[in-house]
Amino acid sequence: MSAALKWFKSSHSSPDGDQCVEVAHDGTQVHVRDSKVQDGPVLDLAPASWAELTGWVGK
């Protein structure tokens, strides 16, 4: 699954990328992973859950 997705980091990420998450969207779910462990676990969220999370984090 992870290989077929187009992953991206926030524009606010440091150039070193040492503490980042990557996000991908496949039209059904939003996928989140640790940028340092790209073959590791992936958190899959419904788009509404992702919107709620990012809205809460931004406060």
N, C-alpha and C. Protein backbone atom coordinates (compact mmCIF):
# COMPACT_ATOMS: atom_id res chain seq x y z
N MET A 1 0.81 -1.19 0.00
CA MET A 1 0.00 0.00 0.00
C MET A 1 0.86 1.25 0.00
N SER A 2 1.84 1.37 0.88
CA SER A 2 2.63 2.58 1.03
C SER A 2 3.37 2.97 -0.23
N ALA A 3 3.82 2.00 -1.00
CA ALA A 3 4.61 2.31 -2.19
C ALA A 3 3.77 3.00 -3.27
N ALA A 4 2.50 2.70 -3.37
CA ALA A 4 1.65 3.27 -4.41
C ALA A 4 1.16 4.67 -4.08
N LEU A 5 1.26 5.09 -2.84
CA LEU A 5 0.78 6.39 -2.41
C LEU A 5 1.82 7.47 -2.66
N LYS A 6 1.35 8.70 -2.88
CA LYS A 6 2.26 9.85 -3.03
C LYS A 6 2.34 10.54 -1.67
N TRP A 7 3.44 10.34 -0.97
CA TRP A 7 3.64 10.86 0.37
C TRP A 7 4.23 12.27 0.30
N PHE A 8 3.85 13.12 1.27
CA PHE A 8 4.43 14.45 1.34
C PHE A 8 4.59 14.87 2.80
N LYS A 9 5.51 15.81 3.00
CA LYS A 9 5.77 16.38 4.33
C LYS A 9 5.23 17.81 4.35
N SER A 10 5.00 18.31 5.51
CA SER A 10 4.58 19.69 5.68
C SER A 10 5.65 20.65 5.17
N SER A 11 5.22 21.77 4.65
CA SER A 11 6.18 22.81 4.23
C SER A 11 6.88 23.41 5.44
N HIS A 12 6.37 23.15 6.64
CA HIS A 12 6.98 23.64 7.88
C HIS A 12 8.03 22.67 8.41
N SER A 13 8.25 21.55 7.76
CA SER A 13 9.23 20.58 8.20
C SER A 13 10.64 21.15 8.06
N SER A 14 11.51 20.72 8.94
CA SER A 14 12.91 21.17 8.85
C SER A 14 13.56 20.51 7.64
N PRO A 15 14.59 21.13 7.08
CA PRO A 15 15.27 20.52 5.93
C PRO A 15 15.85 19.14 6.24
N ASP A 16 16.23 18.92 7.51
CA ASP A 16 16.78 17.63 7.90
C ASP A 16 15.70 16.55 7.96
N GLY A 17 14.45 16.95 8.16
CA GLY A 17 13.36 16.00 8.24
C GLY A 17 13.48 15.04 9.41
N ASP A 18 14.10 15.52 10.50
CA ASP A 18 14.39 14.61 11.61
C ASP A 18 13.20 14.33 12.52
N GLN A 19 12.17 15.14 12.48
CA GLN A 19 11.00 14.89 13.34
C GLN A 19 9.74 15.23 12.55
N CYS A 20 9.48 14.47 11.52
CA CYS A 20 8.37 14.77 10.62
C CYS A 20 7.44 13.57 10.48
N VAL A 21 6.25 13.88 10.10
CA VAL A 21 5.34 12.84 9.64
C VAL A 21 5.10 13.10 8.16
N GLU A 22 4.74 12.06 7.46
CA GLU A 22 4.38 12.17 6.06
C GLU A 22 2.91 11.79 5.93
N VAL A 23 2.25 12.39 4.98
CA VAL A 23 0.82 12.19 4.78
C VAL A 23 0.56 11.85 3.31
N ALA A 24 -0.39 10.97 3.09
CA ALA A 24 -0.85 10.64 1.74
C ALA A 24 -2.36 10.50 1.77
N HIS A 25 -3.00 10.78 0.66
CA HIS A 25 -4.46 10.65 0.56
C HIS A 25 -4.78 9.84 -0.68
N ASP A 26 -5.62 8.85 -0.51
CA ASP A 26 -5.95 7.98 -1.66
C ASP A 26 -7.38 8.17 -2.16
N GLY A 27 -8.05 9.22 -1.70
CA GLY A 27 -9.42 9.46 -2.11
C GLY A 27 -10.43 8.88 -1.14
N THR A 28 -10.00 7.96 -0.29
CA THR A 28 -10.88 7.34 0.69
C THR A 28 -10.40 7.61 2.10
N GLN A 29 -9.09 7.50 2.32
CA GLN A 29 -8.50 7.67 3.64
C GLN A 29 -7.28 8.57 3.56
N VAL A 30 -6.93 9.13 4.73
CA VAL A 30 -5.69 9.87 4.88
C VAL A 30 -4.74 8.95 5.63
N HIS A 31 -3.54 8.78 5.10
CA HIS A 31 -2.55 7.88 5.68
C HIS A 31 -1.42 8.72 6.26
N VAL A 32 -0.96 8.36 7.46
CA VAL A 32 0.07 9.10 8.16
C VAL A 32 1.15 8.12 8.59
N ARG A 33 2.43 8.51 8.38
CA ARG A 33 3.53 7.65 8.80
C ARG A 33 4.69 8.52 9.30
N ASP A 34 5.60 7.90 10.01
CA ASP A 34 6.83 8.54 10.49
C ASP A 34 7.79 8.61 9.31
N SER A 35 8.30 9.80 9.03
CA SER A 35 9.18 9.95 7.87
C SER A 35 10.49 9.20 8.02
N LYS A 36 10.88 8.89 9.25
CA LYS A 36 12.14 8.17 9.47
C LYS A 36 11.97 6.66 9.33
N VAL A 37 10.72 6.17 9.39
CA VAL A 37 10.45 4.73 9.33
C VAL A 37 9.40 4.50 8.24
N GLN A 38 9.80 4.70 7.01
CA GLN A 38 8.85 4.66 5.90
C GLN A 38 8.25 3.28 5.67
N ASP A 39 8.90 2.24 6.11
CA ASP A 39 8.35 0.89 5.99
C ASP A 39 7.62 0.46 7.25
N GLY A 40 7.48 1.38 8.21
CA GLY A 40 6.84 1.08 9.48
C GLY A 40 5.33 1.19 9.41
N PRO A 41 4.70 1.23 10.56
CA PRO A 41 3.24 1.28 10.60
C PRO A 41 2.68 2.57 10.02
N VAL A 42 1.48 2.49 9.51
CA VAL A 42 0.77 3.63 8.93
C VAL A 42 -0.56 3.79 9.65
N LEU A 43 -0.85 5.01 10.05
CA LEU A 43 -2.13 5.34 10.67
C LEU A 43 -3.08 5.75 9.55
N ASP A 44 -4.21 5.06 9.43
CA ASP A 44 -5.21 5.36 8.40
C ASP A 44 -6.40 6.04 9.06
N LEU A 45 -6.76 7.21 8.54
CA LEU A 45 -7.85 7.99 9.11
C LEU A 45 -8.88 8.34 8.05
N ALA A 46 -10.13 8.43 8.48
CA ALA A 46 -11.16 8.97 7.61
C ALA A 46 -10.87 10.46 7.42
N PRO A 47 -11.18 11.03 6.27
CA PRO A 47 -10.91 12.45 6.04
C PRO A 47 -11.50 13.36 7.13
N ALA A 48 -12.69 13.04 7.64
CA ALA A 48 -13.29 13.86 8.69
C ALA A 48 -12.46 13.79 9.98
N SER A 49 -11.92 12.63 10.29
CA SER A 49 -11.07 12.48 11.47
C SER A 49 -9.77 13.26 11.30
N TRP A 50 -9.19 13.23 10.11
CA TRP A 50 -7.97 14.00 9.82
C TRP A 50 -8.25 15.49 9.97
N ALA A 51 -9.37 15.95 9.45
CA ALA A 51 -9.72 17.37 9.56
C ALA A 51 -9.90 17.78 11.02
N GLU A 52 -10.53 16.92 11.81
CA GLU A 52 -10.70 17.22 13.22
C GLU A 52 -9.36 17.26 13.93
N LEU A 53 -8.49 16.31 13.64
CA LEU A 53 -7.16 16.27 14.26
C LEU A 53 -6.35 17.51 13.91
N THR A 54 -6.28 17.84 12.64
CA THR A 54 -5.48 19.00 12.23
C THR A 54 -6.08 20.30 12.74
N GLY A 55 -7.38 20.36 12.85
CA GLY A 55 -8.02 21.55 13.43
C GLY A 55 -7.69 21.69 14.90
N TRP A 56 -7.65 20.59 15.62
CA TRP A 56 -7.33 20.61 17.04
C TRP A 56 -5.85 20.95 17.27
N VAL A 57 -4.97 20.38 16.47
CA VAL A 57 -3.53 20.61 16.62
C VAL A 57 -3.20 22.07 16.31
N GLY A 58 -3.91 22.67 15.37
CA GLY A 58 -3.64 24.05 14.97
C GLY A 58 -4.05 25.10 15.97
N LYS A 59 -4.72 24.69 17.04
CA LYS A 59 -5.20 25.68 18.05
C LYS A 59 -4.13 26.04 19.03
